[in-house]
Amino acid sequence: MINAIIGDLVSIHEGEVILRAGHLEYSLSVSNQTASKLSNLVGEAKQSIRLLTVLVHREDSMSLFGFFQAEEREAFLQLQTVSGVGAKQAMKILGGISVRHLAEALDNGNLKLLSSIPGIGPKTAQKMILALRNVLVLDDDKQKDTRERVGQKNSLWADIVNALVDMGYDRRRVEETIQGLSQEMAESLGKVSHHDAEELLFRSAIKMLG
């Protein structure tokens, strides 16, 4: 699979971008969103452009699709899991709405907004909602979820953290230490009561913090 192409921008036509990589020129179908971003590039910014790709192989043709961002490529692939939506229609959908707004419309069941996208009628919009609600996850949403999980883990040992901070240790350093130790000692901590686990973790943290 061709994961990405890095090359110089040769030209942009409606829905098509030409990239020169080495001695080869590649034609990639792109959304209006990606085409717009590429059109705004000037000077050296047009060189060594990296576009993520998807190769769609049909019986009578092969088409290469390009994407500026990973979340757009993921949305392109997910849209094709909807009955009746092919590669070209998926690209047309992405040209009519940003990935963020698409994800929000799907999660909120916004049939009116989805139906207003060029190439989508009410029936297709309903299919998309049924198939993709809560499926598209954006990168910043993943990071937020990770931060929340870390926060939840640290809250289990809040008493230890506060006790160490009261002893004069830096809060950020304490939290990082507790987080690391709780992962390393997960098996042994899981075999004792929460009270005993706190004592064990507290002593270990003291040794590590010095």
N, C-alpha and C. Protein backbone atom coordinates (compact mmCIF):
# COMPACT_ATOMS: atom_id res chain seq x y z
N MET A 1 0.84 -1.20 0.00
CA MET A 1 0.00 0.00 0.00
C MET A 1 0.87 1.25 0.00
N ILE A 2 0.48 2.25 -0.76
CA ILE A 2 1.17 3.53 -0.76
C ILE A 2 0.58 4.37 0.36
N ASN A 3 1.33 4.57 1.42
CA ASN A 3 0.81 5.30 2.57
C ASN A 3 0.78 6.81 2.33
N ALA A 4 1.80 7.31 1.65
CA ALA A 4 1.88 8.75 1.41
C ALA A 4 2.84 9.02 0.26
N ILE A 5 2.68 10.18 -0.34
CA ILE A 5 3.59 10.64 -1.39
C ILE A 5 4.14 12.00 -0.97
N ILE A 6 5.45 12.13 -1.04
CA ILE A 6 6.11 13.40 -0.73
C ILE A 6 6.70 13.94 -2.03
N GLY A 7 6.23 15.10 -2.44
CA GLY A 7 6.71 15.65 -3.70
C GLY A 7 6.39 17.13 -3.83
N ASP A 8 6.81 17.70 -4.96
CA ASP A 8 6.58 19.12 -5.22
C ASP A 8 5.26 19.30 -5.96
N LEU A 9 4.56 20.36 -5.61
CA LEU A 9 3.27 20.65 -6.23
C LEU A 9 3.47 21.16 -7.65
N VAL A 10 2.91 20.45 -8.61
CA VAL A 10 3.01 20.84 -10.02
C VAL A 10 1.80 21.66 -10.43
N SER A 11 0.62 21.15 -10.12
CA SER A 11 -0.60 21.87 -10.50
C SER A 11 -1.79 21.41 -9.67
N ILE A 12 -2.80 22.26 -9.64
CA ILE A 12 -4.06 21.95 -8.97
C ILE A 12 -5.19 22.25 -9.93
N HIS A 13 -5.97 21.24 -10.24
CA HIS A 13 -7.17 21.43 -11.05
C HIS A 13 -8.36 21.10 -10.16
N GLU A 14 -9.53 21.17 -10.68
CA GLU A 14 -10.72 20.88 -9.89
C GLU A 14 -10.73 19.42 -9.45
N GLY A 15 -10.52 19.20 -8.16
CA GLY A 15 -10.55 17.84 -7.63
C GLY A 15 -9.33 17.01 -7.94
N GLU A 16 -8.27 17.63 -8.47
CA GLU A 16 -7.08 16.87 -8.83
C GLU A 16 -5.81 17.66 -8.53
N VAL A 17 -4.82 16.95 -8.00
CA VAL A 17 -3.52 17.54 -7.70
C VAL A 17 -2.44 16.71 -8.37
N ILE A 18 -1.45 17.39 -8.93
CA ILE A 18 -0.31 16.69 -9.52
C ILE A 18 0.91 16.95 -8.64
N LEU A 19 1.53 15.87 -8.16
CA LEU A 19 2.75 15.97 -7.37
C LEU A 19 3.90 15.32 -8.12
N ARG A 20 5.06 15.98 -8.12
CA ARG A 20 6.26 15.40 -8.74
C ARG A 20 7.16 14.88 -7.63
N ALA A 21 7.39 13.57 -7.64
CA ALA A 21 8.27 12.92 -6.68
C ALA A 21 9.36 12.19 -7.46
N GLY A 22 10.58 12.69 -7.37
CA GLY A 22 11.65 12.11 -8.18
C GLY A 22 11.40 12.40 -9.64
N HIS A 23 11.45 11.35 -10.46
CA HIS A 23 11.21 11.50 -11.89
C HIS A 23 9.80 11.09 -12.28
N LEU A 24 8.91 10.99 -11.29
CA LEU A 24 7.53 10.60 -11.57
C LEU A 24 6.57 11.70 -11.13
N GLU A 25 5.46 11.81 -11.85
CA GLU A 25 4.40 12.72 -11.47
C GLU A 25 3.14 11.91 -11.17
N TYR A 26 2.53 12.21 -10.03
CA TYR A 26 1.36 11.45 -9.58
C TYR A 26 0.12 12.34 -9.63
N SER A 27 -0.95 11.77 -10.13
CA SER A 27 -2.25 12.44 -10.15
C SER A 27 -3.08 11.91 -8.99
N LEU A 28 -3.50 12.81 -8.11
CA LEU A 28 -4.28 12.41 -6.95
C LEU A 28 -5.61 13.16 -6.92
N SER A 29 -6.67 12.44 -6.68
CA SER A 29 -7.97 13.07 -6.47
C SER A 29 -8.02 13.58 -5.04
N VAL A 30 -8.45 14.82 -4.87
CA VAL A 30 -8.49 15.42 -3.54
C VAL A 30 -9.83 16.11 -3.31
N SER A 31 -10.14 16.34 -2.05
CA SER A 31 -11.37 17.06 -1.71
C SER A 31 -11.16 18.55 -1.92
N ASN A 32 -12.24 19.30 -1.95
CA ASN A 32 -12.14 20.75 -2.06
C ASN A 32 -11.40 21.34 -0.87
N GLN A 33 -11.54 20.70 0.28
CA GLN A 33 -10.86 21.18 1.49
C GLN A 33 -9.35 21.10 1.31
N THR A 34 -8.86 19.95 0.83
CA THR A 34 -7.42 19.78 0.62
C THR A 34 -6.93 20.66 -0.51
N ALA A 35 -7.69 20.75 -1.59
CA ALA A 35 -7.30 21.59 -2.72
C ALA A 35 -7.16 23.05 -2.29
N SER A 36 -8.06 23.50 -1.43
CA SER A 36 -8.02 24.88 -0.95
C SER A 36 -6.76 25.14 -0.14
N LYS A 37 -6.40 24.20 0.73
CA LYS A 37 -5.19 24.35 1.55
C LYS A 37 -3.94 24.39 0.67
N LEU A 38 -3.90 23.53 -0.34
CA LEU A 38 -2.75 23.49 -1.23
C LEU A 38 -2.67 24.75 -2.09
N SER A 39 -3.80 25.29 -2.47
CA SER A 39 -3.83 26.50 -3.30
C SER A 39 -3.27 27.70 -2.56
N ASN A 40 -3.33 27.67 -1.24
CA ASN A 40 -2.85 28.81 -0.45
C ASN A 40 -1.35 28.76 -0.20
N LEU A 41 -0.69 27.67 -0.61
CA LEU A 41 0.75 27.56 -0.41
C LEU A 41 1.48 28.42 -1.43
N VAL A 42 2.57 29.04 -0.98
CA VAL A 42 3.38 29.87 -1.88
C VAL A 42 4.86 29.54 -1.70
N GLY A 43 5.63 29.81 -2.75
CA GLY A 43 7.08 29.65 -2.68
C GLY A 43 7.54 28.26 -2.31
N GLU A 44 8.46 28.19 -1.34
CA GLU A 44 9.05 26.91 -0.94
C GLU A 44 8.04 25.99 -0.26
N ALA A 45 6.93 26.55 0.19
CA ALA A 45 5.91 25.73 0.84
C ALA A 45 5.29 24.73 -0.13
N LYS A 46 5.47 24.98 -1.43
CA LYS A 46 4.94 24.06 -2.44
C LYS A 46 5.85 22.86 -2.67
N GLN A 47 7.01 22.87 -2.03
CA GLN A 47 7.97 21.78 -2.20
C GLN A 47 7.87 20.79 -1.04
N SER A 48 8.17 19.55 -1.36
CA SER A 48 8.17 18.46 -0.36
C SER A 48 6.86 18.40 0.42
N ILE A 49 5.77 18.47 -0.32
CA ILE A 49 4.44 18.33 0.29
C ILE A 49 4.16 16.85 0.55
N ARG A 50 3.62 16.55 1.70
CA ARG A 50 3.28 15.16 2.03
C ARG A 50 1.77 14.99 2.02
N LEU A 51 1.29 14.14 1.13
CA LEU A 51 -0.13 13.82 1.08
C LEU A 51 -0.32 12.35 1.42
N LEU A 52 -1.15 12.07 2.40
CA LEU A 52 -1.53 10.69 2.71
C LEU A 52 -2.38 10.17 1.56
N THR A 53 -2.33 8.89 1.31
CA THR A 53 -3.01 8.36 0.13
C THR A 53 -3.85 7.12 0.42
N VAL A 54 -4.78 6.88 -0.48
CA VAL A 54 -5.55 5.64 -0.52
C VAL A 54 -5.65 5.25 -1.99
N LEU A 55 -5.27 4.02 -2.29
CA LEU A 55 -5.37 3.51 -3.66
C LEU A 55 -6.64 2.68 -3.77
N VAL A 56 -7.53 3.10 -4.66
CA VAL A 56 -8.79 2.39 -4.88
C VAL A 56 -8.69 1.64 -6.20
N HIS A 57 -8.79 0.33 -6.12
CA HIS A 57 -8.61 -0.53 -7.29
C HIS A 57 -9.96 -1.10 -7.72
N ARG A 58 -10.38 -0.73 -8.91
CA ARG A 58 -11.60 -1.29 -9.50
C ARG A 58 -11.22 -2.22 -10.64
N GLU A 59 -12.21 -2.92 -11.16
CA GLU A 59 -11.95 -3.86 -12.25
C GLU A 59 -11.38 -3.16 -13.48
N ASP A 60 -11.86 -1.95 -13.74
CA ASP A 60 -11.45 -1.26 -14.96
C ASP A 60 -10.56 -0.05 -14.72
N SER A 61 -10.20 0.22 -13.46
CA SER A 61 -9.38 1.41 -13.21
C SER A 61 -8.75 1.38 -11.82
N MET A 62 -7.73 2.22 -11.65
CA MET A 62 -7.10 2.44 -10.35
C MET A 62 -7.06 3.95 -10.11
N SER A 63 -7.47 4.37 -8.93
CA SER A 63 -7.48 5.79 -8.61
C SER A 63 -6.73 6.02 -7.30
N LEU A 64 -5.96 7.10 -7.28
CA LEU A 64 -5.19 7.46 -6.09
C LEU A 64 -5.80 8.71 -5.47
N PHE A 65 -6.17 8.61 -4.21
CA PHE A 65 -6.79 9.73 -3.50
C PHE A 65 -5.81 10.29 -2.49
N GLY A 66 -5.75 11.61 -2.40
CA GLY A 66 -4.79 12.27 -1.51
C GLY A 66 -5.47 13.06 -0.41
N PHE A 67 -4.80 13.12 0.76
CA PHE A 67 -5.38 13.78 1.93
C PHE A 67 -4.31 14.55 2.68
N PHE A 68 -4.67 15.77 3.08
CA PHE A 68 -3.74 16.62 3.81
C PHE A 68 -3.60 16.17 5.25
N GLN A 69 -4.69 15.63 5.82
CA GLN A 69 -4.70 15.23 7.22
C GLN A 69 -5.17 13.78 7.38
N ALA A 70 -4.65 13.12 8.42
CA ALA A 70 -5.00 11.73 8.67
C ALA A 70 -6.48 11.55 8.96
N GLU A 71 -7.08 12.52 9.65
CA GLU A 71 -8.50 12.38 10.01
C GLU A 71 -9.39 12.46 8.77
N GLU A 72 -8.94 13.19 7.74
CA GLU A 72 -9.72 13.24 6.51
C GLU A 72 -9.66 11.88 5.79
N ARG A 73 -8.48 11.28 5.80
CA ARG A 73 -8.35 9.95 5.19
C ARG A 73 -9.20 8.93 5.93
N GLU A 74 -9.20 8.99 7.24
CA GLU A 74 -9.99 8.05 8.04
C GLU A 74 -11.48 8.23 7.74
N ALA A 75 -11.91 9.48 7.63
CA ALA A 75 -13.31 9.75 7.31
C ALA A 75 -13.67 9.21 5.93
N PHE A 76 -12.75 9.36 4.98
CA PHE A 76 -12.95 8.85 3.62
C PHE A 76 -13.17 7.34 3.64
N LEU A 77 -12.36 6.64 4.41
CA LEU A 77 -12.48 5.18 4.50
C LEU A 77 -13.77 4.77 5.21
N GLN A 78 -14.11 5.47 6.28
CA GLN A 78 -15.32 5.14 7.03
C GLN A 78 -16.59 5.41 6.22
N LEU A 79 -16.59 6.48 5.45
CA LEU A 79 -17.77 6.81 4.64
C LEU A 79 -18.10 5.70 3.66
N GLN A 80 -17.07 5.02 3.17
CA GLN A 80 -17.30 3.96 2.19
C GLN A 80 -17.86 2.69 2.80
N THR A 81 -17.93 2.65 4.13
CA THR A 81 -18.58 1.50 4.78
C THR A 81 -20.10 1.67 4.78
N VAL A 82 -20.56 2.86 4.41
CA VAL A 82 -22.00 3.13 4.34
C VAL A 82 -22.54 2.59 3.02
N SER A 83 -23.60 1.84 3.08
CA SER A 83 -24.20 1.26 1.87
C SER A 83 -24.53 2.34 0.85
N GLY A 84 -24.02 2.15 -0.37
CA GLY A 84 -24.32 3.08 -1.45
C GLY A 84 -23.34 4.23 -1.60
N VAL A 85 -22.37 4.33 -0.70
CA VAL A 85 -21.38 5.41 -0.78
C VAL A 85 -20.05 4.85 -1.28
N GLY A 86 -19.63 5.30 -2.45
CA GLY A 86 -18.36 4.87 -3.03
C GLY A 86 -17.28 5.91 -2.81
N ALA A 87 -16.12 5.66 -3.41
CA ALA A 87 -14.97 6.55 -3.21
C ALA A 87 -15.24 7.97 -3.70
N LYS A 88 -15.80 8.09 -4.90
CA LYS A 88 -16.03 9.43 -5.46
C LYS A 88 -17.05 10.21 -4.64
N GLN A 89 -18.11 9.52 -4.20
CA GLN A 89 -19.11 10.22 -3.39
C GLN A 89 -18.55 10.59 -2.03
N ALA A 90 -17.72 9.71 -1.46
CA ALA A 90 -17.10 10.02 -0.17
C ALA A 90 -16.24 11.27 -0.28
N MET A 91 -15.50 11.38 -1.38
CA MET A 91 -14.66 12.55 -1.59
C MET A 91 -15.51 13.80 -1.79
N LYS A 92 -16.64 13.64 -2.46
CA LYS A 92 -17.55 14.77 -2.66
C LYS A 92 -18.13 15.24 -1.34
N ILE A 93 -18.44 14.30 -0.47
CA ILE A 93 -18.96 14.65 0.85
C ILE A 93 -17.93 15.45 1.64
N LEU A 94 -16.68 15.00 1.60
CA LEU A 94 -15.61 15.68 2.33
C LEU A 94 -15.32 17.06 1.74
N GLY A 95 -15.69 17.25 0.48
CA GLY A 95 -15.51 18.56 -0.13
C GLY A 95 -16.58 19.54 0.30
N GLY A 96 -17.67 19.03 0.86
CA GLY A 96 -18.77 19.90 1.24
C GLY A 96 -18.87 20.21 2.71
N ILE A 97 -18.03 19.56 3.52
CA ILE A 97 -18.09 19.77 4.97
C ILE A 97 -16.77 19.35 5.59
N SER A 98 -16.33 20.06 6.63
CA SER A 98 -15.09 19.69 7.30
C SER A 98 -15.31 18.39 8.08
N VAL A 99 -14.22 17.70 8.35
CA VAL A 99 -14.33 16.43 9.08
C VAL A 99 -14.91 16.66 10.47
N ARG A 100 -14.51 17.75 11.12
CA ARG A 100 -15.03 18.04 12.46
C ARG A 100 -16.54 18.24 12.43
N HIS A 101 -17.00 19.05 11.49
CA HIS A 101 -18.45 19.30 11.41
C HIS A 101 -19.20 18.03 11.00
N LEU A 102 -18.57 17.22 10.18
CA LEU A 102 -19.18 15.95 9.78
C LEU A 102 -19.35 15.04 10.98
N ALA A 103 -18.30 14.92 11.78
CA ALA A 103 -18.35 14.06 12.97
C ALA A 103 -19.41 14.56 13.95
N GLU A 104 -19.49 15.87 14.13
CA GLU A 104 -20.48 16.44 15.05
C GLU A 104 -21.90 16.19 14.54
N ALA A 105 -22.09 16.35 13.22
CA ALA A 105 -23.42 16.13 12.64
C ALA A 105 -23.85 14.68 12.79
N LEU A 106 -22.92 13.76 12.58
CA LEU A 106 -23.22 12.34 12.72
C LEU A 106 -23.56 11.99 14.17
N ASP A 107 -22.74 12.47 15.10
CA ASP A 107 -22.95 12.14 16.52
C ASP A 107 -24.25 12.75 17.06
N ASN A 108 -24.62 13.92 16.52
CA ASN A 108 -25.85 14.59 16.97
C ASN A 108 -27.08 14.18 16.18
N GLY A 109 -26.88 13.32 15.17
CA GLY A 109 -28.01 12.89 14.34
C GLY A 109 -28.63 14.05 13.57
N ASN A 110 -27.78 14.98 13.12
CA ASN A 110 -28.27 16.18 12.43
C ASN A 110 -28.60 15.85 10.98
N LEU A 111 -29.78 15.31 10.77
CA LEU A 111 -30.21 14.87 9.44
C LEU A 111 -30.31 16.05 8.47
N LYS A 112 -30.75 17.19 8.96
CA LYS A 112 -30.92 18.37 8.10
C LYS A 112 -29.59 18.84 7.53
N LEU A 113 -28.57 18.93 8.37
CA LEU A 113 -27.26 19.38 7.92
C LEU A 113 -26.64 18.39 6.95
N LEU A 114 -26.70 17.11 7.29
CA LEU A 114 -26.12 16.09 6.42
C LEU A 114 -26.81 16.06 5.07
N SER A 115 -28.12 16.23 5.06
CA SER A 115 -28.88 16.20 3.81
C SER A 115 -28.57 17.39 2.92
N SER A 116 -28.03 18.46 3.51
CA SER A 116 -27.71 19.66 2.74
C SER A 116 -26.37 19.57 2.02
N ILE A 117 -25.57 18.55 2.35
CA ILE A 117 -24.28 18.37 1.69
C ILE A 117 -24.53 17.91 0.25
N PRO A 118 -23.86 18.53 -0.73
CA PRO A 118 -24.05 18.13 -2.13
C PRO A 118 -23.84 16.64 -2.34
N GLY A 119 -24.78 16.00 -3.01
CA GLY A 119 -24.66 14.58 -3.31
C GLY A 119 -25.28 13.67 -2.27
N ILE A 120 -25.82 14.25 -1.20
CA ILE A 120 -26.44 13.44 -0.14
C ILE A 120 -27.92 13.79 -0.02
N GLY A 121 -28.75 12.78 -0.07
CA GLY A 121 -30.17 12.97 0.17
C GLY A 121 -30.52 12.50 1.56
N PRO A 122 -31.76 12.66 1.97
CA PRO A 122 -32.18 12.24 3.31
C PRO A 122 -31.93 10.76 3.60
N LYS A 123 -32.14 9.90 2.60
CA LYS A 123 -31.95 8.46 2.81
C LYS A 123 -30.48 8.13 3.10
N THR A 124 -29.58 8.71 2.28
CA THR A 124 -28.16 8.46 2.49
C THR A 124 -27.70 9.05 3.82
N ALA A 125 -28.22 10.23 4.14
CA ALA A 125 -27.87 10.87 5.41
C ALA A 125 -28.27 9.99 6.60
N GLN A 126 -29.45 9.39 6.51
CA GLN A 126 -29.92 8.51 7.58
C GLN A 126 -29.03 7.28 7.69
N LYS A 127 -28.62 6.73 6.56
CA LYS A 127 -27.72 5.58 6.57
C LYS A 127 -26.39 5.94 7.23
N MET A 128 -25.89 7.13 6.92
CA MET A 128 -24.62 7.58 7.49
C MET A 128 -24.71 7.70 9.01
N ILE A 129 -25.82 8.24 9.49
CA ILE A 129 -26.00 8.39 10.93
C ILE A 129 -26.03 7.03 11.62
N LEU A 130 -26.76 6.10 11.04
CA LEU A 130 -26.87 4.77 11.63
C LEU A 130 -25.53 4.04 11.64
N ALA A 131 -24.74 4.24 10.58
CA ALA A 131 -23.48 3.50 10.46
C ALA A 131 -22.30 4.17 11.16
N LEU A 132 -22.30 5.50 11.24
CA LEU A 132 -21.09 6.20 11.67
C LEU A 132 -21.24 7.05 12.93
N ARG A 133 -22.39 7.01 13.56
CA ARG A 133 -22.54 7.79 14.81
C ARG A 133 -21.54 7.29 15.84
N ASN A 134 -20.79 8.22 16.42
CA ASN A 134 -19.77 7.92 17.43
C ASN A 134 -18.63 7.06 16.91
N VAL A 135 -18.45 7.04 15.59
CA VAL A 135 -17.36 6.25 14.99
C VAL A 135 -16.17 7.14 14.66
N LEU A 136 -16.41 8.31 14.07
CA LEU A 136 -15.32 9.21 13.72
C LEU A 136 -14.78 9.87 14.98
N VAL A 137 -13.50 9.63 15.26
CA VAL A 137 -12.85 10.23 16.42
C VAL A 137 -11.69 11.08 15.94
N LEU A 138 -11.71 12.36 16.24
CA LEU A 138 -10.67 13.28 15.81
C LEU A 138 -9.46 13.18 16.71
N ASP A 139 -8.30 13.61 16.20
CA ASP A 139 -7.05 13.49 16.95
C ASP A 139 -7.11 14.20 18.29
N ASP A 140 -7.65 15.43 18.33
CA ASP A 140 -7.69 16.14 19.60
C ASP A 140 -8.66 15.50 20.58
N ASP A 141 -9.67 14.80 20.05
CA ASP A 141 -10.59 14.06 20.93
C ASP A 141 -9.87 12.89 21.59
N LYS A 142 -8.99 12.23 20.82
CA LYS A 142 -8.21 11.12 21.37
C LYS A 142 -7.28 11.62 22.47
N GLN A 143 -6.65 12.79 22.24
CA GLN A 143 -5.75 13.35 23.24
C GLN A 143 -6.51 13.73 24.50
N LYS A 144 -7.72 14.30 24.32
CA LYS A 144 -8.55 14.68 25.46
C LYS A 144 -8.93 13.45 26.27
N ASP A 145 -9.28 12.36 25.58
CA ASP A 145 -9.67 11.13 26.25
C ASP A 145 -8.50 10.57 27.05
N THR A 146 -7.29 10.67 26.47
CA THR A 146 -6.10 10.19 27.16
C THR A 146 -5.85 10.99 28.42
N ARG A 147 -5.99 12.33 28.32
CA ARG A 147 -5.79 13.18 29.49
C ARG A 147 -6.79 12.86 30.58
N GLU A 148 -8.04 12.59 30.18
CA GLU A 148 -9.08 12.27 31.17
C GLU A 148 -8.78 10.96 31.88
N ARG A 149 -8.27 9.96 31.11
CA ARG A 149 -7.95 8.67 31.72
C ARG A 149 -6.81 8.82 32.71
N VAL A 150 -5.81 9.64 32.34
CA VAL A 150 -4.68 9.87 33.24
C VAL A 150 -5.16 10.56 34.51
N GLY A 151 -6.05 11.53 34.35
CA GLY A 151 -6.60 12.24 35.50
C GLY A 151 -7.35 11.32 36.43
N GLN A 152 -8.11 10.40 35.86
CA GLN A 152 -8.86 9.45 36.66
C GLN A 152 -7.93 8.55 37.47
N LYS A 153 -6.83 8.12 36.83
CA LYS A 153 -5.88 7.26 37.52
C LYS A 153 -5.23 8.02 38.67
N ASN A 154 -4.82 9.27 38.41
CA ASN A 154 -4.17 10.05 39.45
C ASN A 154 -5.11 10.32 40.62
N SER A 155 -6.42 10.46 40.34
CA SER A 155 -7.38 10.76 41.41
C SER A 155 -7.47 9.62 42.41
N LEU A 156 -7.13 8.40 42.00
CA LEU A 156 -7.16 7.26 42.91
C LEU A 156 -6.12 7.44 44.03
N TRP A 157 -5.05 8.16 43.71
CA TRP A 157 -3.97 8.34 44.67
C TRP A 157 -3.86 9.80 45.10
N ALA A 158 -4.99 10.51 45.10
CA ALA A 158 -4.99 11.94 45.42
C ALA A 158 -4.44 12.22 46.81
N ASP A 159 -4.76 11.36 47.78
CA ASP A 159 -4.29 11.57 49.15
C ASP A 159 -2.76 11.51 49.21
N ILE A 160 -2.18 10.57 48.45
CA ILE A 160 -0.72 10.45 48.44
C ILE A 160 -0.10 11.68 47.80
N VAL A 161 -0.66 12.10 46.69
CA VAL A 161 -0.14 13.28 45.99
C VAL A 161 -0.17 14.49 46.91
N ASN A 162 -1.30 14.72 47.55
CA ASN A 162 -1.44 15.88 48.44
C ASN A 162 -0.48 15.81 49.62
N ALA A 163 -0.29 14.60 50.15
CA ALA A 163 0.62 14.44 51.29
C ALA A 163 2.05 14.77 50.89
N LEU A 164 2.46 14.31 49.71
CA LEU A 164 3.82 14.57 49.24
C LEU A 164 4.02 16.05 48.90
N VAL A 165 2.99 16.67 48.35
CA VAL A 165 3.08 18.11 48.06
C VAL A 165 3.21 18.90 49.36
N ASP A 166 2.47 18.48 50.39
CA ASP A 166 2.54 19.15 51.70
C ASP A 166 3.94 19.01 52.30
N MET A 167 4.66 17.96 51.89
CA MET A 167 6.01 17.75 52.39
C MET A 167 7.03 18.61 51.65
N GLY A 168 6.56 19.34 50.62
CA GLY A 168 7.45 20.26 49.92
C GLY A 168 7.84 19.84 48.52
N TYR A 169 7.37 18.70 48.06
CA TYR A 169 7.71 18.24 46.71
C TYR A 169 6.85 18.97 45.67
N ASP A 170 7.42 19.14 44.48
CA ASP A 170 6.71 19.80 43.39
C ASP A 170 5.54 18.93 42.92
N ARG A 171 4.36 19.55 42.77
CA ARG A 171 3.16 18.79 42.43
C ARG A 171 3.29 18.05 41.10
N ARG A 172 3.79 18.73 40.07
CA ARG A 172 3.90 18.07 38.77
C ARG A 172 4.83 16.87 38.85
N ARG A 173 5.95 17.03 39.54
CA ARG A 173 6.90 15.92 39.67
C ARG A 173 6.27 14.77 40.45
N VAL A 174 5.52 15.11 41.49
CA VAL A 174 4.85 14.08 42.29
C VAL A 174 3.84 13.31 41.43
N GLU A 175 3.01 14.03 40.68
CA GLU A 175 1.99 13.38 39.86
C GLU A 175 2.62 12.46 38.82
N GLU A 176 3.71 12.92 38.19
CA GLU A 176 4.40 12.09 37.20
C GLU A 176 4.99 10.85 37.85
N THR A 177 5.55 11.02 39.04
CA THR A 177 6.14 9.88 39.76
C THR A 177 5.08 8.86 40.15
N ILE A 178 3.97 9.34 40.70
CA ILE A 178 2.88 8.45 41.11
C ILE A 178 2.30 7.72 39.90
N GLN A 179 2.14 8.45 38.81
CA GLN A 179 1.59 7.83 37.60
C GLN A 179 2.50 6.71 37.11
N GLY A 180 3.82 6.98 37.08
CA GLY A 180 4.77 5.97 36.62
C GLY A 180 4.82 4.77 37.53
N LEU A 181 4.87 5.01 38.84
CA LEU A 181 4.93 3.91 39.81
C LEU A 181 3.66 3.07 39.79
N SER A 182 2.51 3.71 39.67
CA SER A 182 1.25 2.96 39.68
C SER A 182 1.16 2.02 38.48
N GLN A 183 1.79 2.41 37.37
CA GLN A 183 1.81 1.54 36.20
C GLN A 183 2.80 0.40 36.39
N GLU A 184 3.99 0.73 36.91
CA GLU A 184 5.03 -0.29 37.12
C GLU A 184 4.61 -1.31 38.18
N MET A 185 3.91 -0.84 39.19
CA MET A 185 3.55 -1.70 40.32
C MET A 185 2.11 -2.17 40.27
N ALA A 186 1.49 -2.06 39.11
CA ALA A 186 0.06 -2.38 38.97
C ALA A 186 -0.28 -3.77 39.50
N GLU A 187 0.55 -4.75 39.18
CA GLU A 187 0.25 -6.14 39.59
C GLU A 187 0.29 -6.29 41.10
N SER A 188 1.34 -5.77 41.74
CA SER A 188 1.46 -5.92 43.20
C SER A 188 0.43 -5.06 43.93
N LEU A 189 0.11 -3.90 43.40
CA LEU A 189 -0.88 -3.04 44.03
C LEU A 189 -2.27 -3.65 43.97
N GLY A 190 -2.51 -4.43 42.92
CA GLY A 190 -3.82 -5.04 42.75
C GLY A 190 -4.07 -6.22 43.68
N LYS A 191 -3.02 -6.70 44.35
CA LYS A 191 -3.15 -7.87 45.22
C LYS A 191 -3.42 -7.50 46.68
N VAL A 192 -3.36 -6.20 46.99
CA VAL A 192 -3.56 -5.79 48.38
C VAL A 192 -4.72 -4.80 48.46
N SER A 193 -5.11 -4.46 49.67
CA SER A 193 -6.20 -3.50 49.85
C SER A 193 -5.76 -2.12 49.39
N HIS A 194 -6.72 -1.24 49.18
CA HIS A 194 -6.38 0.11 48.71
C HIS A 194 -5.52 0.84 49.74
N HIS A 195 -5.82 0.62 51.03
CA HIS A 195 -5.04 1.26 52.10
C HIS A 195 -3.58 0.80 52.05
N ASP A 196 -3.38 -0.53 51.94
CA ASP A 196 -2.02 -1.06 51.88
C ASP A 196 -1.32 -0.61 50.60
N ALA A 197 -2.09 -0.52 49.52
CA ALA A 197 -1.52 -0.08 48.24
C ALA A 197 -1.03 1.37 48.36
N GLU A 198 -1.79 2.20 49.07
CA GLU A 198 -1.38 3.59 49.27
C GLU A 198 -0.07 3.67 50.05
N GLU A 199 0.05 2.87 51.09
CA GLU A 199 1.28 2.88 51.89
C GLU A 199 2.48 2.43 51.06
N LEU A 200 2.27 1.37 50.27
CA LEU A 200 3.34 0.85 49.43
C LEU A 200 3.77 1.88 48.39
N LEU A 201 2.79 2.51 47.78
CA LEU A 201 3.07 3.51 46.75
C LEU A 201 3.73 4.74 47.37
N PHE A 202 3.30 5.12 48.56
CA PHE A 202 3.87 6.28 49.25
C PHE A 202 5.35 6.06 49.54
N ARG A 203 5.69 4.89 50.09
CA ARG A 203 7.09 4.60 50.41
C ARG A 203 7.95 4.58 49.15
N SER A 204 7.41 3.99 48.09
CA SER A 204 8.17 3.91 46.84
C SER A 204 8.38 5.30 46.24
N ALA A 205 7.36 6.14 46.36
CA ALA A 205 7.47 7.50 45.82
C ALA A 205 8.51 8.31 46.59
N ILE A 206 8.54 8.15 47.91
CA ILE A 206 9.52 8.85 48.74
C ILE A 206 10.94 8.50 48.29
N LYS A 207 11.19 7.21 48.06
CA LYS A 207 12.52 6.76 47.63
C LYS A 207 12.89 7.37 46.28
N MET A 208 11.92 7.41 45.37
CA MET A 208 12.21 7.91 44.03
C MET A 208 12.39 9.43 44.02
N LEU A 209 11.61 10.11 44.81
CA LEU A 209 11.69 11.57 44.84
C LEU A 209 12.93 12.06 45.59
N GLY A 210 13.47 11.16 46.44
CA GLY A 210 14.67 11.53 47.19
C GLY A 210 14.33 12.38 48.37
